[in-house]
PDB file of all heavy atoms in Angstrom:
ATOM      1  N   ASN A   1     123.919  97.283  72.411  1.00  0.00           N
ATOM      2  CA  ASN A   1     123.865  96.973  73.833  1.00  0.00           C
ATOM      3  C   ASN A   1     122.514  96.320  74.113  1.00  0.00           C
ATOM      4  O   ASN A   1     121.529  96.989  74.402  1.00  0.00           O
ATOM      5  CB  ASN A   1     124.056  98.232  74.664  1.00  0.00           C
ATOM      6  CG  ASN A   1     124.289  97.930  76.126  1.00  0.00           C
ATOM      7  OD1 ASN A   1     124.204  96.780  76.557  1.00  0.00           O
ATOM      8  ND2 ASN A   1     124.589  98.961  76.905  1.00  0.00           N
ATOM      9  N   ILE A   2     122.480  95.013  74.017  1.00  0.00           N
ATOM     10  CA  ILE A   2     121.233  94.270  74.043  1.00  0.00           C
ATOM     11  C   ILE A   2     120.794  94.001  75.472  1.00  0.00           C
ATOM     12  O   ILE A   2     121.576  93.520  76.295  1.00  0.00           O
ATOM     13  CB  ILE A   2     121.369  92.954  73.276  1.00  0.00           C
ATOM     14  CG1 ILE A   2     121.754  93.230  71.821  1.00  0.00           C
ATOM     15  CG2 ILE A   2     120.070  92.158  73.337  1.00  0.00           C
ATOM     16  CD1 ILE A   2     122.093  91.985  71.028  1.00  0.00           C
ATOM     17  N   PHE A   3     119.528  94.282  75.731  1.00  0.00           N
ATOM     18  CA  PHE A   3     118.931  93.954  77.022  1.00  0.00           C
ATOM     19  C   PHE A   3     118.292  92.568  76.984  1.00  0.00           C
ATOM     20  O   PHE A   3     118.485  91.765  77.891  1.00  0.00           O
ATOM     21  CB  PHE A   3     117.901  95.005  77.410  1.00  0.00           C
ATOM     22  CG  PHE A   3     117.181  94.695  78.689  1.00  0.00           C
ATOM     23  CD1 PHE A   3     117.807  94.867  79.911  1.00  0.00           C
ATOM     24  CD2 PHE A   3     115.880  94.223  78.676  1.00  0.00           C
ATOM     25  CE1 PHE A   3     117.158  94.580  81.093  1.00  0.00           C
ATOM     26  CE2 PHE A   3     115.212  93.933  79.851  1.00  0.00           C
ATOM     27  CZ  PHE A   3     115.859  94.116  81.067  1.00  0.00           C
ATOM     28  N   ALA A   4     117.529  92.300  75.936  1.00  0.00           N
ATOM     29  CA  ALA A   4     116.855  91.020  75.831  1.00  0.00           C
ATOM     30  C   ALA A   4     116.414  90.795  74.393  1.00  0.00           C
ATOM     31  O   ALA A   4     116.279  91.743  73.611  1.00  0.00           O
ATOM     32  CB  ALA A   4     115.647  90.952  76.766  1.00  0.00           C
ATOM     33  N   VAL A   5     116.172  89.540  74.072  1.00  0.00           N
ATOM     34  CA  VAL A   5     115.617  89.159  72.787  1.00  0.00           C
ATOM     35  C   VAL A   5     114.426  88.250  73.042  1.00  0.00           C
ATOM     36  O   VAL A   5     114.506  87.337  73.867  1.00  0.00           O
ATOM     37  CB  VAL A   5     116.653  88.447  71.897  1.00  0.00           C
ATOM     38  CG1 VAL A   5     116.021  88.047  70.569  1.00  0.00           C
ATOM     39  CG2 VAL A   5     117.857  89.342  71.658  1.00  0.00           C
ATOM     40  N   GLY A   6     113.338  88.521  72.356  1.00  0.00           N
ATOM     41  CA  GLY A   6     112.138  87.745  72.566  1.00  0.00           C
ATOM     42  C   GLY A   6     111.484  87.329  71.273  1.00  0.00           C
ATOM     43  O   GLY A   6     111.791  87.845  70.192  1.00  0.00           O
ATOM     44  N   TRP A   7     110.581  86.368  71.405  1.00  0.00           N
ATOM     45  CA  TRP A   7     109.759  85.903  70.302  1.00  0.00           C
ATOM     46  C   TRP A   7     108.303  86.227  70.585  1.00  0.00           C
ATOM     47  O   TRP A   7     107.812  86.026  71.701  1.00  0.00           O
ATOM     48  CB  TRP A   7     109.926  84.400  70.082  1.00  0.00           C
ATOM     49  CG  TRP A   7     111.196  84.033  69.393  1.00  0.00           C
ATOM     50  CD1 TRP A   7     112.362  83.640  69.959  1.00  0.00           C
ATOM     51  CD2 TRP A   7     111.410  84.023  67.976  1.00  0.00           C
ATOM     52  NE1 TRP A   7     113.304  83.389  68.997  1.00  0.00           N
ATOM     53  CE2 TRP A   7     112.742  83.614  67.767  1.00  0.00           C
ATOM     54  CE3 TRP A   7     110.613  84.314  66.874  1.00  0.00           C
ATOM     55  CZ2 TRP A   7     113.295  83.493  66.490  1.00  0.00           C
ATOM     56  CZ3 TRP A   7     111.167  84.195  65.611  1.00  0.00           C
ATOM     57  CH2 TRP A   7     112.491  83.786  65.433  1.00  0.00           C
ATOM     58  N   PHE A   8     107.646  86.721  69.565  1.00  0.00           N
ATOM     59  CA  PHE A   8     106.227  87.029  69.611  1.00  0.00           C
ATOM     60  C   PHE A   8     105.541  86.327  68.449  1.00  0.00           C
ATOM     61  O   PHE A   8     106.178  85.910  67.484  1.00  0.00           O
ATOM     62  CB  PHE A   8     105.985  88.537  69.513  1.00  0.00           C
ATOM     63  CG  PHE A   8     106.489  89.327  70.690  1.00  0.00           C
ATOM     64  CD1 PHE A   8     107.845  89.537  70.884  1.00  0.00           C
ATOM     65  CD2 PHE A   8     105.599  89.878  71.604  1.00  0.00           C
ATOM     66  CE1 PHE A   8     108.314  90.266  71.957  1.00  0.00           C
ATOM     67  CE2 PHE A   8     106.053  90.611  72.685  1.00  0.00           C
ATOM     68  CZ  PHE A   8     107.409  90.800  72.862  1.00  0.00           C
ATOM     69  N   ARG A   9     104.240  86.221  68.540  1.00  0.00           N
ATOM     70  CA  ARG A   9     103.480  85.692  67.427  1.00  0.00           C
ATOM     71  C   ARG A   9     102.162  86.430  67.307  1.00  0.00           C
ATOM     72  O   ARG A   9     101.647  86.979  68.276  1.00  0.00           O
ATOM     73  CB  ARG A   9     103.235  84.184  67.579  1.00  0.00           C
ATOM     74  CG  ARG A   9     102.284  83.793  68.693  1.00  0.00           C
ATOM     75  CD  ARG A   9     102.192  82.287  68.795  1.00  0.00           C
ATOM     76  NE  ARG A   9     101.216  81.859  69.783  1.00  0.00           N
ATOM     77  CZ  ARG A   9     101.018  80.598  70.146  1.00  0.00           C
ATOM     78  NH1 ARG A   9     101.736  79.632  69.589  1.00  0.00           N
ATOM     79  NH2 ARG A   9     100.101  80.307  71.054  1.00  0.00           N
ATOM     80  N   GLN A  10     101.632  86.424  66.106  1.00  0.00           N
ATOM     81  CA  GLN A  10     100.363  87.082  65.854  1.00  0.00           C
ATOM     82  C   GLN A  10      99.610  86.333  64.766  1.00  0.00           C
ATOM     83  O   GLN A  10     100.119  86.148  63.666  1.00  0.00           O
ATOM     84  CB  GLN A  10     100.562  88.541  65.436  1.00  0.00           C
ATOM     85  CG  GLN A  10      99.271  89.313  65.298  1.00  0.00           C
ATOM     86  CD  GLN A  10      99.500  90.800  65.109  1.00  0.00           C
ATOM     87  OE1 GLN A  10     100.558  91.222  64.650  1.00  0.00           O
ATOM     88  NE2 GLN A  10      98.516  91.594  65.464  1.00  0.00           N
ATOM     89  N   ALA A  11      98.419  85.917  65.101  1.00  0.00           N
ATOM     90  CA  ALA A  11      97.524  85.297  64.147  1.00  0.00           C
ATOM     91  C   ALA A  11      96.528  86.342  63.652  1.00  0.00           C
ATOM     92  O   ALA A  11      96.267  87.334  64.334  1.00  0.00           O
ATOM     93  CB  ALA A  11      96.792  84.123  64.788  1.00  0.00           C
ATOM     94  N   PRO A  12      95.962  86.144  62.467  1.00  0.00           N
ATOM     95  CA  PRO A  12      94.987  87.109  61.953  1.00  0.00           C
ATOM     96  C   PRO A  12      93.844  87.341  62.924  1.00  0.00           C
ATOM     97  O   PRO A  12      93.257  86.396  63.458  1.00  0.00           O
ATOM     98  CB  PRO A  12      94.498  86.452  60.660  1.00  0.00           C
ATOM     99  CG  PRO A  12      95.635  85.593  60.231  1.00  0.00           C
ATOM    100  CD  PRO A  12      96.233  85.069  61.508  1.00  0.00           C
ATOM    101  N   GLY A  13      93.541  88.609  63.163  1.00  0.00           N
ATOM    102  CA  GLY A  13      92.459  88.962  64.058  1.00  0.00           C
ATOM    103  C   GLY A  13      92.791  88.885  65.531  1.00  0.00           C
ATOM    104  O   GLY A  13      91.905  89.102  66.361  1.00  0.00           O
ATOM    105  N   ARG A  14      94.027  88.584  65.854  1.00  0.00           N
ATOM    106  CA  ARG A  14      94.424  88.470  67.244  1.00  0.00           C
ATOM    107  C   ARG A  14      95.545  89.453  67.564  1.00  0.00           C
ATOM    108  O   ARG A  14      96.249  89.919  66.675  1.00  0.00           O
ATOM    109  CB  ARG A  14      94.890  87.046  67.568  1.00  0.00           C
ATOM    110  CG  ARG A  14      93.828  85.984  67.364  1.00  0.00           C
ATOM    111  CD  ARG A  14      94.351  84.612  67.728  1.00  0.00           C
ATOM    112  NE  ARG A  14      93.368  83.572  67.526  1.00  0.00           N
ATOM    113  CZ  ARG A  14      93.573  82.288  67.768  1.00  0.00           C
ATOM    114  NH1 ARG A  14      94.750  81.878  68.224  1.00  0.00           N
ATOM    115  NH2 ARG A  14      92.611  81.408  67.551  1.00  0.00           N
ATOM    116  N   GLU A  15      95.685  89.765  68.842  1.00  0.00           N
ATOM    117  CA  GLU A  15      96.754  90.635  69.277  1.00  0.00           C
ATOM    118  C   GLU A  15      98.084  89.896  69.264  1.00  0.00           C
ATOM    119  O   GLU A  15      98.139  88.672  69.398  1.00  0.00           O
ATOM    120  CB  GLU A  15      96.470  91.168  70.677  1.00  0.00           C
ATOM    121  CG  GLU A  15      95.244  92.057  70.771  1.00  0.00           C
ATOM    122  CD  GLU A  15      95.029  92.594  72.163  1.00  0.00           C
ATOM    123  OE1 GLU A  15      95.728  92.138  73.094  1.00  0.00           O
ATOM    124  OE2 GLU A  15      94.166  93.471  72.325  1.00  0.00           O
ATOM    125  N   ARG A  16      99.138  90.654  69.105  1.00  0.00           N
ATOM    126  CA  ARG A  16     100.460  90.073  69.170  1.00  0.00           C
ATOM    127  C   ARG A  16     100.733  89.571  70.583  1.00  0.00           C
ATOM    128  O   ARG A  16     100.468  90.259  71.573  1.00  0.00           O
ATOM    129  CB  ARG A  16     101.518  91.089  68.745  1.00  0.00           C
ATOM    130  CG  ARG A  16     102.921  90.513  68.642  1.00  0.00           C
ATOM    131  CD  ARG A  16     103.853  91.465  67.909  1.00  0.00           C
ATOM    132  NE  ARG A  16     103.482  91.620  66.511  1.00  0.00           N
ATOM    133  CZ  ARG A  16     104.191  92.299  65.614  1.00  0.00           C
ATOM    134  NH1 ARG A  16     105.315  92.890  65.980  1.00  0.00           N
ATOM    135  NH2 ARG A  16     103.772  92.397  64.364  1.00  0.00           N
ATOM    136  N   GLU A  17     101.279  88.380  70.665  1.00  0.00           N
ATOM    137  CA  GLU A  17     101.454  87.672  71.919  1.00  0.00           C
ATOM    138  C   GLU A  17     102.918  87.348  72.140  1.00  0.00           C
ATOM    139  O   GLU A  17     103.576  86.776  71.271  1.00  0.00           O
ATOM    140  CB  GLU A  17     100.624  86.384  71.903  1.00  0.00           C
ATOM    141  CG  GLU A  17     100.847  85.458  73.077  1.00  0.00           C
ATOM    142  CD  GLU A  17     100.204  84.104  72.874  1.00  0.00           C
ATOM    143  OE1 GLU A  17      99.917  83.755  71.712  1.00  0.00           O
ATOM    144  OE2 GLU A  17      99.979  83.401  73.879  1.00  0.00           O
ATOM    145  N   GLY A  18     103.430  87.704  73.306  1.00  0.00           N
ATOM    146  CA  GLY A  18     104.769  87.311  73.672  1.00  0.00           C
ATOM    147  C   GLY A  18     104.794  85.850  74.086  1.00  0.00           C
ATOM    148  O   GLY A  18     103.975  85.416  74.899  1.00  0.00           O
ATOM    149  N   ILE A  19     105.734  85.089  73.550  1.00  0.00           N
ATOM    150  CA  ILE A  19     105.781  83.667  73.849  1.00  0.00           C
ATOM    151  C   ILE A  19     107.041  83.265  74.611  1.00  0.00           C
ATOM    152  O   ILE A  19     107.008  82.300  75.382  1.00  0.00           O
ATOM    153  CB  ILE A  19     105.643  82.812  72.576  1.00  0.00           C
ATOM    154  CG1 ILE A  19     106.794  83.087  71.601  1.00  0.00           C
ATOM    155  CG2 ILE A  19     104.301  83.081  71.897  1.00  0.00           C
ATOM    156  CD1 ILE A  19     106.820  82.142  70.425  1.00  0.00           C
ATOM    157  N   SER A  20     108.135  83.977  74.407  1.00  0.00           N
ATOM    158  CA  SER A  20     109.376  83.603  75.071  1.00  0.00           C
ATOM    159  C   SER A  20     110.389  84.718  74.912  1.00  0.00           C
ATOM    160  O   SER A  20     110.387  85.433  73.912  1.00  0.00           O
ATOM    161  CB  SER A  20     109.936  82.299  74.497  1.00  0.00           C
ATOM    162  OG  SER A  20     111.077  81.870  75.221  1.00  0.00           O
ATOM    163  N   CYS A  21     111.268  84.850  75.891  1.00  0.00           N
ATOM    164  CA  CYS A  21     112.356  85.808  75.774  1.00  0.00           C
ATOM    165  C   CYS A  21     113.540  85.330  76.599  1.00  0.00           C
ATOM    166  O   CYS A  21     113.404  84.481  77.488  1.00  0.00           O
ATOM    167  CB  CYS A  21     111.930  87.220  76.184  1.00  0.00           C
ATOM    168  SG  CYS A  21     111.522  87.412  77.927  1.00  0.00           S
ATOM    169  N   ILE A  22     114.693  85.899  76.297  1.00  0.00           N
ATOM    170  CA  ILE A  22     115.915  85.546  76.989  1.00  0.00           C
ATOM    171  C   ILE A  22     116.758  86.803  77.136  1.00  0.00           C
ATOM    172  O   ILE A  22     116.800  87.647  76.245  1.00  0.00           O
ATOM    173  CB  ILE A  22     116.674  84.426  76.247  1.00  0.00           C
ATOM    174  CG1 ILE A  22     117.835  83.904  77.076  1.00  0.00           C
ATOM    175  CG2 ILE A  22     117.141  84.898  74.877  1.00  0.00           C
ATOM    176  CD1 ILE A  22     118.438  82.619  76.514  1.00  0.00           C
ATOM    177  N   SER A  23     117.411  86.941  78.271  1.00  0.00           N
ATOM    178  CA  SER A  23     118.266  88.096  78.500  1.00  0.00           C
ATOM    179  C   SER A  23     119.537  87.976  77.677  1.00  0.00           C
ATOM    180  O   SER A  23     119.896  86.910  77.176  1.00  0.00           O
ATOM    181  CB  SER A  23     118.600  88.228  79.985  1.00  0.00           C
ATOM    182  OG  SER A  23     119.345  87.112  80.437  1.00  0.00           O
ATOM    183  N   SER A  24     120.225  89.094  77.542  1.00  0.00           N
ATOM    184  CA  SER A  24     121.423  89.123  76.713  1.00  0.00           C
ATOM    185  C   SER A  24     122.463  88.109  77.157  1.00  0.00           C
ATOM    186  O   SER A  24     123.078  87.434  76.329  1.00  0.00           O
ATOM    187  CB  SER A  24     122.027  90.533  76.717  1.00  0.00           C
ATOM    188  OG  SER A  24     123.206  90.590  75.937  1.00  0.00           O
ATOM    189  N   ALA A  25     122.654  88.002  78.473  1.00  0.00           N
ATOM    190  CA  ALA A  25     123.631  87.063  79.013  1.00  0.00           C
ATOM    191  C   ALA A  25     123.069  85.656  79.190  1.00  0.00           C
ATOM    192  O   ALA A  25     123.822  84.742  79.532  1.00  0.00           O
ATOM    193  CB  ALA A  25     124.170  87.572  80.342  1.00  0.00           C
ATOM    194  N   GLY A  26     121.787  85.490  78.980  1.00  0.00           N
ATOM    195  CA  GLY A  26     121.174  84.189  79.110  1.00  0.00           C
ATOM    196  C   GLY A  26     120.842  83.771  80.529  1.00  0.00           C
ATOM    197  O   GLY A  26     120.464  82.615  80.753  1.00  0.00           O
ATOM    198  N   GLU A  27     120.954  84.699  81.480  1.00  0.00           N
ATOM    199  CA  GLU A  27     120.702  84.335  82.867  1.00  0.00           C
ATOM    200  C   GLU A  27     119.224  84.282  83.217  1.00  0.00           C
ATOM    201  O   GLU A  27     118.851  83.736  84.250  1.00  0.00           O
ATOM    202  CB  GLU A  27     121.424  85.304  83.812  1.00  0.00           C
ATOM    203  CG  GLU A  27     120.813  86.704  83.901  1.00  0.00           C
ATOM    204  CD  GLU A  27     121.307  87.638  82.819  1.00  0.00           C
ATOM    205  OE1 GLU A  27     121.957  87.168  81.863  1.00  0.00           O
ATOM    206  OE2 GLU A  27     121.058  88.861  82.935  1.00  0.00           O
ATOM    207  N   MET A  28     118.382  84.844  82.361  1.00  0.00           N
ATOM    208  CA  MET A  28     116.945  84.825  82.572  1.00  0.00           C
ATOM    209  C   MET A  28     116.242  84.397  81.296  1.00  0.00           C
ATOM    210  O   MET A  28     116.678  84.739  80.195  1.00  0.00           O
ATOM    211  CB  MET A  28     116.427  86.197  83.007  1.00  0.00           C
ATOM    212  CG  MET A  28     116.943  86.695  84.341  1.00  0.00           C
ATOM    213  SD  MET A  28     116.178  88.261  84.836  1.00  0.00           S
ATOM    214  CE  MET A  28     116.781  89.343  83.529  1.00  0.00           C
ATOM    215  N   SER A  29     115.178  83.683  81.460  1.00  0.00           N
ATOM    216  CA  SER A  29     114.356  83.288  80.332  1.00  0.00           C
ATOM    217  C   SER A  29     112.904  83.253  80.770  1.00  0.00           C
ATOM    218  O   SER A  29     112.597  83.141  81.961  1.00  0.00           O
ATOM    219  CB  SER A  29     114.782  81.932  79.767  1.00  0.00           C
ATOM    220  OG  SER A  29     114.654  80.915  80.741  1.00  0.00           O
ATOM    221  N   TYR A  30     112.015  83.343  79.804  1.00  0.00           N
ATOM    222  CA  TYR A  30     110.593  83.381  80.078  1.00  0.00           C
ATOM    223  C   TYR A  30     109.859  82.574  79.025  1.00  0.00           C
ATOM    224  O   TYR A  30     110.208  82.606  77.840  1.00  0.00           O
ATOM    225  CB  TYR A  30     110.080  84.827  80.070  1.00  0.00           C
ATOM    226  CG  TYR A  30     108.589  84.941  79.947  1.00  0.00           C
ATOM    227  CD1 TYR A  30     107.770  84.816  81.062  1.00  0.00           C
ATOM    228  CD2 TYR A  30     107.991  85.149  78.712  1.00  0.00           C
ATOM    229  CE1 TYR A  30     106.395  84.901  80.954  1.00  0.00           C
ATOM    230  CE2 TYR A  30     106.618  85.235  78.586  1.00  0.00           C
ATOM    231  CZ  TYR A  30     105.823  85.111  79.710  1.00  0.00           C
ATOM    232  OH  TYR A  30     104.461  85.192  79.588  1.00  0.00           O
ATOM    233  N   TYR A  31     108.836  81.882  79.475  1.00  0.00           N
ATOM    234  CA  TYR A  31     107.928  81.177  78.583  1.00  0.00           C
ATOM    235  C   TYR A  31     106.504  81.442  79.027  1.00  0.00           C
ATOM    236  O   TYR A  31     106.205  81.434  80.224  1.00  0.00           O
ATOM    237  CB  TYR A  31     108.180  79.672  78.590  1.00  0.00           C
ATOM    238  CG  TYR A  31     109.574  79.262  78.197  1.00  0.00           C
ATOM    239  CD1 TYR A  31     110.561  79.079  79.161  1.00  0.00           C
ATOM    240  CD2 TYR A  31     109.902  79.046  76.869  1.00  0.00           C
ATOM    241  CE1 TYR A  31     111.837  78.700  78.800  1.00  0.00           C
ATOM    242  CE2 TYR A  31     111.176  78.664  76.505  1.00  0.00           C
ATOM    243  CZ  TYR A  31     112.137  78.492  77.470  1.00  0.00           C
ATOM    244  OH  TYR A  31     113.416  78.110  77.114  1.00  0.00           O
ATOM    245  N   SER A  32     105.634  81.659  78.077  1.00  0.00           N
ATOM    246  CA  SER A  32     104.226  81.732  78.417  1.00  0.00           C
ATOM    247  C   SER A  32     103.740  80.346  78.837  1.00  0.00           C
ATOM    248  O   SER A  32     104.365  79.327  78.522  1.00  0.00           O
ATOM    249  CB  SER A  32     103.404  82.255  77.240  1.00  0.00           C
ATOM    250  OG  SER A  32     103.395  81.322  76.175  1.00  0.00           O
ATOM    251  N   ASP A  33     102.624  80.317  79.543  1.00  0.00           N
ATOM    252  CA  ASP A  33     102.123  79.041  80.049  1.00  0.00           C
ATOM    253  C   ASP A  33     101.846  78.052  78.927  1.00  0.00           C
ATOM    254  O   ASP A  33     102.043  76.844  79.094  1.00  0.00           O
ATOM    255  CB  ASP A  33     100.859  79.268  80.872  1.00  0.00           C
ATOM    256  CG  ASP A  33     101.133  79.954  82.189  1.00  0.00           C
ATOM    257  OD1 ASP A  33     102.292  79.921  82.647  1.00  0.00           O
ATOM    258  OD2 ASP A  33     100.178  80.508  82.774  1.00  0.00           O
ATOM    259  N   GLU A  34     101.395  78.541  77.801  1.00  0.00           N
ATOM    260  CA  GLU A  34     101.069  77.658  76.686  1.00  0.00           C
ATOM    261  C   GLU A  34     102.303  77.021  76.070  1.00  0.00           C
ATOM    262  O   GLU A  34     102.199  75.988  75.412  1.00  0.00           O
ATOM    263  CB  GLU A  34     100.296  78.429  75.617  1.00  0.00           C
ATOM    264  CG  GLU A  34      98.964  79.008  76.076  1.00  0.00           C
ATOM    265  CD  GLU A  34      99.131  80.276  76.889  1.00  0.00           C
ATOM    266  OE1 GLU A  34     100.023  81.070  76.563  1.00  0.00           O
ATOM    267  OE2 GLU A  34      98.370  80.462  77.854  1.00  0.00           O
ATOM    268  N   MET A  35     103.461  77.634  76.256  1.00  0.00           N
ATOM    269  CA  MET A  35     104.688  77.159  75.634  1.00  0.00           C
ATOM    270  C   MET A  35     105.528  76.271  76.542  1.00  0.00           C
ATOM    271  O   MET A  35     106.395  75.536  76.051  1.00  0.00           O
ATOM    272  CB  MET A  35     105.555  78.334  75.178  1.00  0.00           C
ATOM    273  CG  MET A  35     104.802  79.459  74.502  1.00  0.00           C
ATOM    274  SD  MET A  35     103.796  78.884  73.112  1.00  0.00           S
ATOM    275  CE  MET A  35     102.668  80.281  72.974  1.00  0.00           C
ATOM    276  N   LYS A  36     105.307  76.355  77.831  1.00  0.00           N
ATOM    277  CA  LYS A  36     106.124  75.586  78.765  1.00  0.00           C
ATOM    278  C   LYS A  36     106.005  74.097  78.472  1.00  0.00           C
ATOM    279  O   LYS A  36     104.924  73.557  78.310  1.00  0.00           O
ATOM    280  CB  LYS A  36     105.702  75.876  80.201  1.00  0.00           C
ATOM    281  CG  LYS A  36     106.042  77.278  80.662  1.00  0.00           C
ATOM    282  CD  LYS A  36     105.582  77.512  82.093  1.00  0.00           C
ATOM    283  CE  LYS A  36     105.927  78.914  82.548  1.00  0.00           C
ATOM    284  NZ  LYS A  36     105.454  79.183  83.925  1.00  0.00           N
ATOM    285  N   GLY A  37     107.158  73.445  78.398  1.00  0.00           N
ATOM    286  CA  GLY A  37     107.200  72.031  78.101  1.00  0.00           C
ATOM    287  C   GLY A  37     107.230  71.709  76.626  1.00  0.00           C
ATOM    288  O   GLY A  37     107.485  70.551  76.264  1.00  0.00           O
ATOM    289  N   ARG A  38     106.978  72.683  75.774  1.00  0.00           N
ATOM    290  CA  ARG A  38     106.986  72.471  74.331  1.00  0.00           C
ATOM    291  C   ARG A  38     108.043  73.309  73.619  1.00  0.00           C
ATOM    292  O   ARG A  38     108.639  72.836  72.655  1.00  0.00           O
ATOM    293  CB  ARG A  38     105.622  72.787  73.722  1.00  0.00           C
ATOM    294  CG  ARG A  38     104.485  71.921  74.237  1.00  0.00           C
ATOM    295  CD  ARG A  38     103.244  72.086  73.378  1.00  0.00           C
ATOM    296  NE  ARG A  38     102.743  73.459  73.395  1.00  0.00           N
ATOM    297  CZ  ARG A  38     102.497  74.193  72.306  1.00  0.00           C
ATOM    298  NH1 ARG A  38     102.714  73.670  71.103  1.00  0.00           N
ATOM    299  NH2 ARG A  38     102.026  75.424  72.412  1.00  0.00           N
ATOM    300  N   PHE A  39     108.252  74.527  74.070  1.00  0.00           N
ATOM    301  CA  PHE A  39     109.190  75.445  73.424  1.00  0.00           C
ATOM    302  C   PHE A  39     110.415  75.635  74.298  1.00  0.00           C
ATOM    303  O   PHE A  39     110.322  75.661  75.524  1.00  0.00           O
ATOM    304  CB  PHE A  39     108.544  76.810  73.185  1.00  0.00           C
ATOM    305  CG  PHE A  39     107.453  76.837  72.156  1.00  0.00           C
ATOM    306  CD1 PHE A  39     106.946  75.673  71.602  1.00  0.00           C
ATOM    307  CD2 PHE A  39     106.928  78.049  71.737  1.00  0.00           C
ATOM    308  CE1 PHE A  39     105.936  75.701  70.658  1.00  0.00           C
ATOM    309  CE2 PHE A  39     105.924  78.100  70.796  1.00  0.00           C
ATOM    310  CZ  PHE A  39     105.431  76.928  70.252  1.00  0.00           C
ATOM    311  N   THR A  40     111.559  75.809  73.660  1.00  0.00           N
ATOM    312  CA  THR A  40     112.807  76.076  74.361  1.00  0.00           C
ATOM    313  C   THR A  40     113.552  77.188  73.653  1.00  0.00           C
ATOM    314  O   THR A  40     113.821  77.086  72.451  1.00  0.00           O
ATOM    315  CB  THR A  40     113.694  74.826  74.432  1.00  0.00           C
ATOM    316  OG1 THR A  40     112.991  73.758  75.072  1.00  0.00           O
ATOM    317  CG2 THR A  40     114.960  75.128  75.227  1.00  0.00           C
ATOM    318  N   ILE A  41     113.891  78.233  74.384  1.00  0.00           N
ATOM    319  CA  ILE A  41     114.636  79.340  73.810  1.00  0.00           C
ATOM    320  C   ILE A  41     116.103  79.190  74.174  1.00  0.00           C
ATOM    321  O   ILE A  41     116.446  78.750  75.271  1.00  0.00           O
ATOM    322  CB  ILE A  41     114.068  80.701  74.276  1.00  0.00           C
ATOM    323  CG1 ILE A  41     114.650  81.845  73.452  1.00  0.00           C
ATOM    324  CG2 ILE A  41     114.297  80.914  75.760  1.00  0.00           C
ATOM    325  CD1 ILE A  41     113.931  83.171  73.659  1.00  0.00           C
ATOM    326  N   SER A  42     116.971  79.551  73.258  1.00  0.00           N
ATOM    327  CA  SER A  42     118.402  79.459  73.492  1.00  0.00           C
ATOM    328  C   SER A  42     119.112  80.570  72.734  1.00  0.00           C
ATOM    329  O   SER A  42     118.546  81.182  71.831  1.00  0.00           O
ATOM    330  CB  SER A  42     118.951  78.092  73.079  1.00  0.00           C
ATOM    331  OG  SER A  42     118.759  77.862  71.695  1.00  0.00           O
ATOM    332  N   ARG A  43     120.345  80.798  73.106  1.00  0.00           N
ATOM    333  CA  ARG A  43     121.116  81.883  72.523  1.00  0.00           C
ATOM    334  C   ARG A  43     122.510  81.398  72.168  1.00  0.00           C
ATOM    335  O   ARG A  43     123.137  80.663  72.931  1.00  0.00           O
ATOM    336  CB  ARG A  43     121.199  83.054  73.513  1.00  0.00           C
ATOM    337  CG  ARG A  43     122.082  84.205  73.073  1.00  0.00           C
ATOM    338  CD  ARG A  43     122.087  85.304  74.126  1.00  0.00           C
ATOM    339  NE  ARG A  43     123.025  86.369  73.808  1.00  0.00           N
ATOM    340  CZ  ARG A  43     122.754  87.410  73.030  1.00  0.00           C
ATOM    341  NH1 ARG A  43     121.543  87.529  72.492  1.00  0.00           N
ATOM    342  NH2 ARG A  43     123.673  88.328  72.793  1.00  0.00           N
ATOM    343  N   ASP A  44     122.976  81.799  71.016  1.00  0.00           N
ATOM    344  CA  ASP A  44     124.343  81.553  70.590  1.00  0.00           C
ATOM    345  C   ASP A  44     124.990  82.917  70.404  1.00  0.00           C
ATOM    346  O   ASP A  44     124.815  83.565  69.364  1.00  0.00           O
ATOM    347  CB  ASP A  44     124.378  80.732  69.298  1.00  0.00           C
ATOM    348  CG  ASP A  44     125.780  80.287  68.931  1.00  0.00           C
ATOM    349  OD1 ASP A  44     126.760  80.984  69.277  1.00  0.00           O
ATOM    350  OD2 ASP A  44     125.909  79.218  68.288  1.00  0.00           O
ATOM    351  N   LYS A  45     125.713  83.353  71.400  1.00  0.00           N
ATOM    352  CA  LYS A  45     126.278  84.693  71.377  1.00  0.00           C
ATOM    353  C   LYS A  45     127.266  84.869  70.237  1.00  0.00           C
ATOM    354  O   LYS A  45     127.306  85.929  69.603  1.00  0.00           O
ATOM    355  CB  LYS A  45     126.945  85.002  72.726  1.00  0.00           C
ATOM    356  CG  LYS A  45     127.431  86.419  72.860  1.00  0.00           C
ATOM    357  CD  LYS A  45     127.996  86.677  74.244  1.00  0.00           C
ATOM    358  CE  LYS A  45     128.474  88.108  74.389  1.00  0.00           C
ATOM    359  NZ  LYS A  45     129.011  88.373  75.748  1.00  0.00           N
TER     360      LYS A  45
END
């Protein structure tokens, strides 16, 4: 029973950073400011 799926990244010496996520039904999505215009999240149910 999935609520959401997200992508995170972590570079050495840095904290893990959320970059994008999408709700189970795809009705909501999120991008960090650094990713907007460059990254696109999508879902294939």
